[in-house]
PDB file of N, CA and C in Angstrom:
ATOM      1  N   MET A   1       4.716  11.538  11.729  1.00  0.00           N
ATOM      2  CA  MET A   1       4.436  10.411  10.858  1.00  0.00           C
ATOM      3  C   MET A   1       3.141   9.765  11.303  1.00  0.00           C
ATOM      4  N   GLY A   2       2.334   9.423  10.311  1.00  0.00           N
ATOM      5  CA  GLY A   2       1.092   8.733  10.598  1.00  0.00           C
ATOM      6  C   GLY A   2       1.153   7.293  10.122  1.00  0.00           C
ATOM      7  N   THR A   3       0.177   6.519  10.567  1.00  0.00           N
ATOM      8  CA  THR A   3       0.024   5.138  10.119  1.00  0.00           C
ATOM      9  C   THR A   3      -1.175   5.100   9.186  1.00  0.00           C
ATOM     10  N   PHE A   4      -1.017   4.412   8.050  1.00  0.00           N
ATOM     11  CA  PHE A   4      -2.057   4.388   7.031  1.00  0.00           C
ATOM     12  C   PHE A   4      -2.335   2.970   6.555  1.00  0.00           C
ATOM     13  N   MET A   5      -3.603   2.706   6.236  1.00  0.00           N
ATOM     14  CA  MET A   5      -4.017   1.467   5.606  1.00  0.00           C
ATOM     15  C   MET A   5      -4.671   1.870   4.293  1.00  0.00           C
ATOM     16  N   ASP A   6      -4.233   1.244   3.220  1.00  0.00           N
ATOM     17  CA  ASP A   6      -4.878   1.538   1.943  1.00  0.00           C
ATOM     18  C   ASP A   6      -5.399   0.263   1.315  1.00  0.00           C
ATOM     19  N   VAL A   7      -6.350   0.436   0.400  1.00  0.00           N
ATOM     20  CA  VAL A   7      -7.043  -0.677  -0.231  1.00  0.00           C
ATOM     21  C   VAL A   7      -6.981  -0.502  -1.743  1.00  0.00           C
ATOM     22  N   HIS A   8      -6.619  -1.579  -2.414  1.00  0.00           N
ATOM     23  CA  HIS A   8      -6.597  -1.611  -3.880  1.00  0.00           C
ATOM     24  C   HIS A   8      -7.612  -2.640  -4.346  1.00  0.00           C
ATOM     25  N   SER A   9      -8.229  -2.389  -5.474  1.00  0.00           N
ATOM     26  CA  SER A   9      -9.156  -3.347  -6.096  1.00  0.00           C
ATOM     27  C   SER A   9      -8.590  -3.768  -7.448  1.00  0.00           C
ATOM     28  N   GLY A  10      -9.119  -4.864  -7.977  1.00  0.00           N
ATOM     29  CA  GLY A  10      -8.736  -5.290  -9.320  1.00  0.00           C
ATOM     30  C   GLY A  10      -7.570  -6.253  -9.366  1.00  0.00           C
ATOM     31  N   PHE A  11      -7.241  -6.879  -8.250  1.00  0.00           N
ATOM     32  CA  PHE A  11      -6.124  -7.815  -8.206  1.00  0.00           C
ATOM     33  C   PHE A  11      -6.601  -9.270  -8.171  1.00  0.00           C
ATOM     34  N   VAL A  12      -7.718  -9.569  -8.833  1.00  0.00           N
ATOM     35  CA  VAL A  12      -8.256 -10.933  -8.879  1.00  0.00           C
ATOM     36  C   VAL A  12      -7.238 -11.859  -9.535  1.00  0.00           C
ATOM     37  N   GLY A  13      -6.976 -12.981  -8.883  1.00  0.00           N
ATOM     38  CA  GLY A  13      -6.073 -13.972  -9.452  1.00  0.00           C
ATOM     39  C   GLY A  13      -4.601 -13.678  -9.293  1.00  0.00           C
ATOM     40  N   VAL A  14      -4.255 -12.599  -8.628  1.00  0.00           N
ATOM     41  CA  VAL A  14      -2.847 -12.253  -8.434  1.00  0.00           C
ATOM     42  C   VAL A  14      -2.207 -13.285  -7.495  1.00  0.00           C
ATOM     43  N   THR A  15      -0.964 -13.622  -7.762  1.00  0.00           N
ATOM     44  CA  THR A  15      -0.242 -14.594  -6.945  1.00  0.00           C
ATOM     45  C   THR A  15       0.560 -13.890  -5.855  1.00  0.00           C
ATOM     46  N   ALA A  16       1.066 -14.677  -4.916  1.00  0.00           N
ATOM     47  CA  ALA A  16       1.921 -14.133  -3.860  1.00  0.00           C
ATOM     48  C   ALA A  16       3.173 -13.491  -4.461  1.00  0.00           C
ATOM     49  N   ASP A  17       3.736 -14.115  -5.485  1.00  0.00           N
ATOM     50  CA  ASP A  17       4.924 -13.539  -6.128  1.00  0.00           C
ATOM     51  C   ASP A  17       4.609 -12.198  -6.782  1.00  0.00           C
ATOM     52  N   GLN A  18       3.453 -12.087  -7.412  1.00  0.00           N
ATOM     53  CA  GLN A  18       3.071 -10.825  -8.041  1.00  0.00           C
ATOM     54  C   GLN A  18       2.821  -9.742  -6.993  1.00  0.00           C
ATOM     55  N   LEU A  19       2.220 -10.126  -5.865  1.00  0.00           N
ATOM     56  CA  LEU A  19       2.024  -9.164  -4.775  1.00  0.00           C
ATOM     57  C   LEU A  19       3.375  -8.698  -4.250  1.00  0.00           C
ATOM     58  N   LYS A  20       4.302  -9.628  -4.097  1.00  0.00           N
ATOM     59  CA  LYS A  20       5.641  -9.273  -3.620  1.00  0.00           C
ATOM     60  C   LYS A  20       6.313  -8.290  -4.574  1.00  0.00           C
ATOM     61  N   GLU A  21       6.178  -8.506  -5.883  1.00  0.00           N
ATOM     62  CA  GLU A  21       6.756  -7.589  -6.875  1.00  0.00           C
ATOM     63  C   GLU A  21       6.160  -6.192  -6.744  1.00  0.00           C
ATOM     64  N   ALA A  22       4.838  -6.113  -6.582  1.00  0.00           N
ATOM     65  CA  ALA A  22       4.182  -4.811  -6.443  1.00  0.00           C
ATOM     66  C   ALA A  22       4.639  -4.113  -5.160  1.00  0.00           C
ATOM     67  N   HIS A  23       4.736  -4.877  -4.079  1.00  0.00           N
ATOM     68  CA  HIS A  23       5.185  -4.323  -2.794  1.00  0.00           C
ATOM     69  C   HIS A  23       6.629  -3.812  -2.909  1.00  0.00           C
ATOM     70  N   GLU A  24       7.470  -4.583  -3.577  1.00  0.00           N
ATOM     71  CA  GLU A  24       8.868  -4.174  -3.763  1.00  0.00           C
ATOM     72  C   GLU A  24       8.988  -2.944  -4.660  1.00  0.00           C
ATOM     73  N   ALA A  25       8.070  -2.784  -5.615  1.00  0.00           N
ATOM     74  CA  ALA A  25       8.075  -1.578  -6.455  1.00  0.00           C
ATOM     75  C   ALA A  25       7.802  -0.337  -5.604  1.00  0.00           C
ATOM     76  N   ASP A  26       6.878  -0.466  -4.643  1.00  0.00           N
ATOM     77  CA  ASP A  26       6.631   0.635  -3.706  1.00  0.00           C
ATOM     78  C   ASP A  26       7.867   0.909  -2.861  1.00  0.00           C
ATOM     79  N   GLN A  27       8.441  -0.154  -2.314  1.00  0.00           N
ATOM     80  CA  GLN A  27       9.589   0.006  -1.425  1.00  0.00           C
ATOM     81  C   GLN A  27      10.805   0.602  -2.127  1.00  0.00           C
ATOM     82  N   ALA A  28      10.938   0.362  -3.404  1.00  0.00           N
ATOM     83  CA  ALA A  28      12.091   0.876  -4.151  1.00  0.00           C
ATOM     84  C   ALA A  28      12.117   2.401  -4.202  1.00  0.00           C
ATOM     85  N   ILE A  29      10.952   3.040  -4.105  1.00  0.00           N
ATOM     86  CA  ILE A  29      10.889   4.502  -4.219  1.00  0.00           C
ATOM     87  C   ILE A  29      10.284   5.184  -2.994  1.00  0.00           C
ATOM     88  N   GLU A  30       9.900   4.415  -1.979  1.00  0.00           N
ATOM     89  CA  GLU A  30       9.178   4.968  -0.834  1.00  0.00           C
ATOM     90  C   GLU A  30       9.933   6.085  -0.116  1.00  0.00           C
ATOM     91  N   ALA A  31      11.239   5.974  -0.016  1.00  0.00           N
ATOM     92  CA  ALA A  31      12.024   6.969   0.726  1.00  0.00           C
ATOM     93  C   ALA A  31      11.939   8.360   0.097  1.00  0.00           C
ATOM     94  N   GLU A  32      11.674   8.420  -1.190  1.00  0.00           N
ATOM     95  CA  GLU A  32      11.579   9.713  -1.878  1.00  0.00           C
ATOM     96  C   GLU A  32      10.428  10.566  -1.349  1.00  0.00           C
ATOM     97  N   GLU A  33       9.435   9.919  -0.728  1.00  0.00           N
ATOM     98  CA  GLU A  33       8.295  10.644  -0.152  1.00  0.00           C
ATOM     99  C   GLU A  33       8.245  10.506   1.365  1.00  0.00           C
ATOM    100  N   GLY A  34       9.257   9.854   1.962  1.00  0.00           N
ATOM    101  CA  GLY A  34       9.253   9.659   3.403  1.00  0.00           C
ATOM    102  C   GLY A  34       8.259   8.616   3.867  1.00  0.00           C
ATOM    103  N   VAL A  35       7.911   7.680   2.980  1.00  0.00           N
ATOM    104  CA  VAL A  35       6.935   6.629   3.268  1.00  0.00           C
ATOM    105  C   VAL A  35       7.689   5.342   3.566  1.00  0.00           C
ATOM    106  N   HIS A  36       7.104   4.493   4.410  1.00  0.00           N
ATOM    107  CA  HIS A  36       7.625   3.137   4.589  1.00  0.00           C
ATOM    108  C   HIS A  36       6.459   2.160   4.587  1.00  0.00           C
ATOM    109  N   PHE A  37       6.457   1.284   3.593  1.00  0.00           N
ATOM    110  CA  PHE A  37       5.424   0.256   3.496  1.00  0.00           C
ATOM    111  C   PHE A  37       5.833  -0.932   4.352  1.00  0.00           C
ATOM    112  N   GLU A  38       5.029  -1.202   5.385  1.00  0.00           N
ATOM    113  CA  GLU A  38       5.318  -2.254   6.350  1.00  0.00           C
ATOM    114  C   GLU A  38       4.945  -3.640   5.809  1.00  0.00           C
ATOM    115  N   ARG A  39       3.711  -3.769   5.346  1.00  0.00           N
ATOM    116  CA  ARG A  39       3.174  -5.065   4.913  1.00  0.00           C
ATOM    117  C   ARG A  39       2.121  -4.861   3.836  1.00  0.00           C
ATOM    118  N   ALA A  40       1.850  -5.958   3.143  1.00  0.00           N
ATOM    119  CA  ALA A  40       0.740  -5.975   2.182  1.00  0.00           C
ATOM    120  C   ALA A  40       0.042  -7.322   2.304  1.00  0.00           C
ATOM    121  N   TRP A  41      -1.275  -7.300   2.198  1.00  0.00           N
ATOM    122  CA  TRP A  41      -2.089  -8.505   2.257  1.00  0.00           C
ATOM    123  C   TRP A  41      -2.927  -8.591   0.997  1.00  0.00           C
ATOM    124  N   LEU A  42      -3.265  -9.806   0.593  1.00  0.00           N
ATOM    125  CA  LEU A  42      -4.011 -10.032  -0.651  1.00  0.00           C
ATOM    126  C   LEU A  42      -5.130 -11.028  -0.429  1.00  0.00           C
ATOM    127  N   ASP A  43      -6.302 -10.708  -0.962  1.00  0.00           N
ATOM    128  CA  ASP A  43      -7.393 -11.675  -1.122  1.00  0.00           C
ATOM    129  C   ASP A  43      -7.574 -11.851  -2.622  1.00  0.00           C
ATOM    130  N   PRO A  44      -6.973 -12.905  -3.212  1.00  0.00           N
ATOM    131  CA  PRO A  44      -7.002 -13.055  -4.669  1.00  0.00           C
ATOM    132  C   PRO A  44      -8.394 -13.320  -5.237  1.00  0.00           C
ATOM    133  N   GLU A  45      -9.312 -13.810  -4.413  1.00  0.00           N
ATOM    134  CA  GLU A  45     -10.672 -14.057  -4.902  1.00  0.00           C
ATOM    135  C   GLU A  45     -11.452 -12.771  -5.081  1.00  0.00           C
ATOM    136  N   SER A  46     -11.347 -11.860  -4.113  1.00  0.00           N
ATOM    137  CA  SER A  46     -12.060 -10.579  -4.232  1.00  0.00           C
ATOM    138  C   SER A  46     -11.243  -9.560  -5.018  1.00  0.00           C
ATOM    139  N   GLY A  47      -9.937  -9.828  -5.153  1.00  0.00           N
ATOM    140  CA  GLY A  47      -9.063  -8.883  -5.849  1.00  0.00           C
ATOM    141  C   GLY A  47      -8.667  -7.690  -5.010  1.00  0.00           C
ATOM    142  N   LYS A  48      -8.798  -7.804  -3.691  1.00  0.00           N
ATOM    143  CA  LYS A  48      -8.456  -6.701  -2.788  1.00  0.00           C
ATOM    144  C   LYS A  48      -7.047  -6.877  -2.238  1.00  0.00           C
ATOM    145  N   VAL A  49      -6.298  -5.782  -2.225  1.00  0.00           N
ATOM    146  CA  VAL A  49      -4.989  -5.724  -1.600  1.00  0.00           C
ATOM    147  C   VAL A  49      -5.050  -4.637  -0.531  1.00  0.00           C
ATOM    148  N   PHE A  50      -4.445  -4.928   0.614  1.00  0.00           N
ATOM    149  CA  PHE A  50      -4.404  -4.006   1.741  1.00  0.00           C
ATOM    150  C   PHE A  50      -2.941  -3.752   2.091  1.00  0.00           C
ATOM    151  N   CYS A  51      -2.571  -2.490   2.216  1.00  0.00           N
ATOM    152  CA  CYS A  51      -1.186  -2.125   2.524  1.00  0.00           C
ATOM    153  C   CYS A  51      -1.146  -1.293   3.798  1.00  0.00           C
ATOM    154  N   LEU A  52      -0.177  -1.607   4.661  1.00  0.00           N
ATOM    155  CA  LEU A  52       0.045  -0.856   5.884  1.00  0.00           C
ATOM    156  C   LEU A  52       1.335  -0.070   5.734  1.00  0.00           C
ATOM    157  N   SER A  53       1.278   1.208   6.053  1.00  0.00           N
ATOM    158  CA  SER A  53       2.471   2.045   5.898  1.00  0.00           C
ATOM    159  C   SER A  53       2.534   3.107   6.979  1.00  0.00           C
ATOM    160  N   THR A  54       3.729   3.685   7.117  1.00  0.00           N
ATOM    161  CA  THR A  54       3.890   4.912   7.878  1.00  0.00           C
ATOM    162  C   THR A  54       4.311   5.967   6.862  1.00  0.00           C
ATOM    163  N   ALA A  55       3.814   7.174   7.056  1.00  0.00           N
ATOM    164  CA  ALA A  55       4.055   8.221   6.062  1.00  0.00           C
ATOM    165  C   ALA A  55       3.748   9.585   6.658  1.00  0.00           C
ATOM    166  N   PRO A  56       4.273  10.629   6.024  1.00  0.00           N
ATOM    167  CA  PRO A  56       3.965  11.977   6.496  1.00  0.00           C
ATOM    168  C   PRO A  56       2.534  12.406   6.159  1.00  0.00           C
ATOM    169  N   SER A  57       1.918  11.755   5.135  1.00  0.00           N
ATOM    170  CA  SER A  57       0.562  12.146   4.745  1.00  0.00           C
ATOM    171  C   SER A  57      -0.077  11.071   3.861  1.00  0.00           C
ATOM    172  N   ARG A  58      -1.380  11.148   3.775  1.00  0.00           N
ATOM    173  CA  ARG A  58      -2.158  10.287   2.876  1.00  0.00           C
ATOM    174  C   ARG A  58      -1.700  10.498   1.427  1.00  0.00           C
ATOM    175  N   GLU A  59      -1.469  11.747   1.085  1.00  0.00           N
ATOM    176  CA  GLU A  59      -1.071  12.091  -0.284  1.00  0.00           C
ATOM    177  C   GLU A  59       0.279  11.475  -0.659  1.00  0.00           C
ATOM    178  N   ALA A  60       1.199  11.395   0.292  1.00  0.00           N
ATOM    179  CA  ALA A  60       2.506  10.782   0.026  1.00  0.00           C
ATOM    180  C   ALA A  60       2.333   9.305  -0.310  1.00  0.00           C
ATOM    181  N   VAL A  61       1.475   8.609   0.433  1.00  0.00           N
ATOM    182  CA  VAL A  61       1.182   7.196   0.142  1.00  0.00           C
ATOM    183  C   VAL A  61       0.603   7.070  -1.267  1.00  0.00           C
ATOM    184  N   MET A  62      -0.340   7.923  -1.592  1.00  0.00           N
ATOM    185  CA  MET A  62      -0.982   7.881  -2.908  1.00  0.00           C
ATOM    186  C   MET A  62       0.021   8.128  -4.030  1.00  0.00           C
ATOM    187  N   ARG A  63       0.931   9.070  -3.837  1.00  0.00           N
ATOM    188  CA  ARG A  63       1.925   9.368  -4.872  1.00  0.00           C
ATOM    189  C   ARG A  63       2.849   8.175  -5.130  1.00  0.00           C
ATOM    190  N   ILE A  64       3.287   7.497  -4.072  1.00  0.00           N
ATOM    191  CA  ILE A  64       4.158   6.334  -4.261  1.00  0.00           C
ATOM    192  C   ILE A  64       3.415   5.233  -5.008  1.00  0.00           C
ATOM    193  N   HIS A  65       2.200   4.928  -4.593  1.00  0.00           N
ATOM    194  CA  HIS A  65       1.431   3.889  -5.290  1.00  0.00           C
ATOM    195  C   HIS A  65       1.204   4.253  -6.762  1.00  0.00           C
ATOM    196  N   GLU A  66       0.914   5.504  -7.024  1.00  0.00           N
ATOM    197  CA  GLU A  66       0.711   5.967  -8.408  1.00  0.00           C
ATOM    198  C   GLU A  66       1.981   5.746  -9.233  1.00  0.00           C
ATOM    199  N   ARG A  67       3.093   6.171  -8.696  1.00  0.00           N
ATOM    200  CA  ARG A  67       4.368   6.046  -9.416  1.00  0.00           C
ATOM    201  C   ARG A  67       4.784   4.588  -9.603  1.00  0.00           C
ATOM    202  N   ALA A  68       4.410   3.722  -8.658  1.00  0.00           N
ATOM    203  CA  ALA A  68       4.770   2.304  -8.747  1.00  0.00           C
ATOM    204  C   ALA A  68       3.829   1.529  -9.668  1.00  0.00           C
ATOM    205  N   GLY A  69       2.756   2.181 -10.125  1.00  0.00           N
ATOM    206  CA  GLY A  69       1.887   1.551 -11.112  1.00  0.00           C
ATOM    207  C   GLY A  69       0.616   0.928 -10.589  1.00  0.00           C
ATOM    208  N   HIS A  70       0.274   1.166  -9.331  1.00  0.00           N
ATOM    209  CA  HIS A  70      -0.976   0.634  -8.790  1.00  0.00           C
ATOM    210  C   HIS A  70      -1.639   1.688  -7.885  1.00  0.00           C
ATOM    211  N   PRO A  71      -2.220   2.692  -8.539  1.00  0.00           N
ATOM    212  CA  PRO A  71      -2.812   3.805  -7.798  1.00  0.00           C
ATOM    213  C   PRO A  71      -4.059   3.400  -7.012  1.00  0.00           C
ATOM    214  N   THR A  72      -4.309   4.144  -5.957  1.00  0.00           N
ATOM    215  CA  THR A  72      -5.547   4.016  -5.194  1.00  0.00           C
ATOM    216  C   THR A  72      -5.858   5.359  -4.545  1.00  0.00           C
ATOM    217  N   THR A  73      -7.133   5.621  -4.382  1.00  0.00           N
ATOM    218  CA  THR A  73      -7.556   6.808  -3.637  1.00  0.00           C
ATOM    219  C   THR A  73      -8.085   6.398  -2.270  1.00  0.00           C
ATOM    220  N   GLU A  74      -8.145   5.092  -2.026  1.00  0.00           N
ATOM    221  CA  GLU A  74      -8.695   4.573  -0.776  1.00  0.00           C
ATOM    222  C   GLU A  74      -7.561   4.389   0.241  1.00  0.00           C
ATOM    223  N   VAL A  75      -7.178   5.495   0.883  1.00  0.00           N
ATOM    224  CA  VAL A  75      -6.090   5.513   1.858  1.00  0.00           C
ATOM    225  C   VAL A  75      -6.656   6.113   3.145  1.00  0.00           C
ATOM    226  N   TYR A  76      -6.504   5.384   4.249  1.00  0.00           N
ATOM    227  CA  TYR A  76      -7.083   5.788   5.533  1.00  0.00           C
ATOM    228  C   TYR A  76      -5.996   5.936   6.583  1.00  0.00           C
ATOM    229  N   GLU A  77      -6.019   7.045   7.299  1.00  0.00           N
ATOM    230  CA  GLU A  77      -5.119   7.162   8.437  1.00  0.00           C
ATOM    231  C   GLU A  77      -5.741   6.366   9.585  1.00  0.00           C
ATOM    232  N   VAL A  78      -4.920   5.570  10.268  1.00  0.00           N
ATOM    233  CA  VAL A  78      -5.392   4.726  11.360  1.00  0.00           C
ATOM    234  C   VAL A  78      -4.583   5.037  12.626  1.00  0.00           C
ATOM    235  N   PRO A  79      -4.951   6.116  13.334  1.00  0.00           N
ATOM    236  CA  PRO A  79      -4.157   6.586  14.460  1.00  0.00           C
ATOM    237  C   PRO A  79      -4.343   5.780  15.744  1.00  0.00           C
ATOM    238  N   ILE A  80      -5.358   4.923  15.816  1.00  0.00           N
ATOM    239  CA  ILE A  80      -5.623   4.157  17.031  1.00  0.00           C
ATOM    240  C   ILE A  80      -5.373   2.686  16.752  1.00  0.00           C
ATOM    241  N   GLN A  81      -4.593   2.047  17.646  1.00  0.00           N
ATOM    242  CA  GLN A  81      -4.237   0.641  17.461  1.00  0.00           C
ATOM    243  C   GLN A  81      -4.382  -0.080  18.789  1.00  0.00           C
ATOM    244  N   VAL A  82      -4.874  -1.308  18.727  1.00  0.00           N
ATOM    245  CA  VAL A  82      -4.908  -2.176  19.907  1.00  0.00           C
ATOM    246  C   VAL A  82      -4.278  -3.516  19.508  1.00  0.00           C
ATOM    247  N   ALA A  83      -3.734  -4.211  20.489  1.00  0.00           N
ATOM    248  CA  ALA A  83      -3.116  -5.505  20.211  1.00  0.00           C
ATOM    249  C   ALA A  83      -3.884  -6.618  20.880  1.00  0.00           C
TER     250      ALA A  83
END
């Protein structure tokens, strides 16, 4: 399993409740691809959303986001972490 960070654009003006709904849509089907979405962050002014997940592959993350209705091709594996 890898750790992935992905970026979505076009979420200008989205509220915390709307972000929560989108995150829950991913979580509702994530197990079908072996993905687990840990967190999501939003900058409503720039319209950027950032999601942290663990998954077997970049493609699995992309498939879940596509099926949940908010596709992105900007998915990065982040194998190095510091605290």
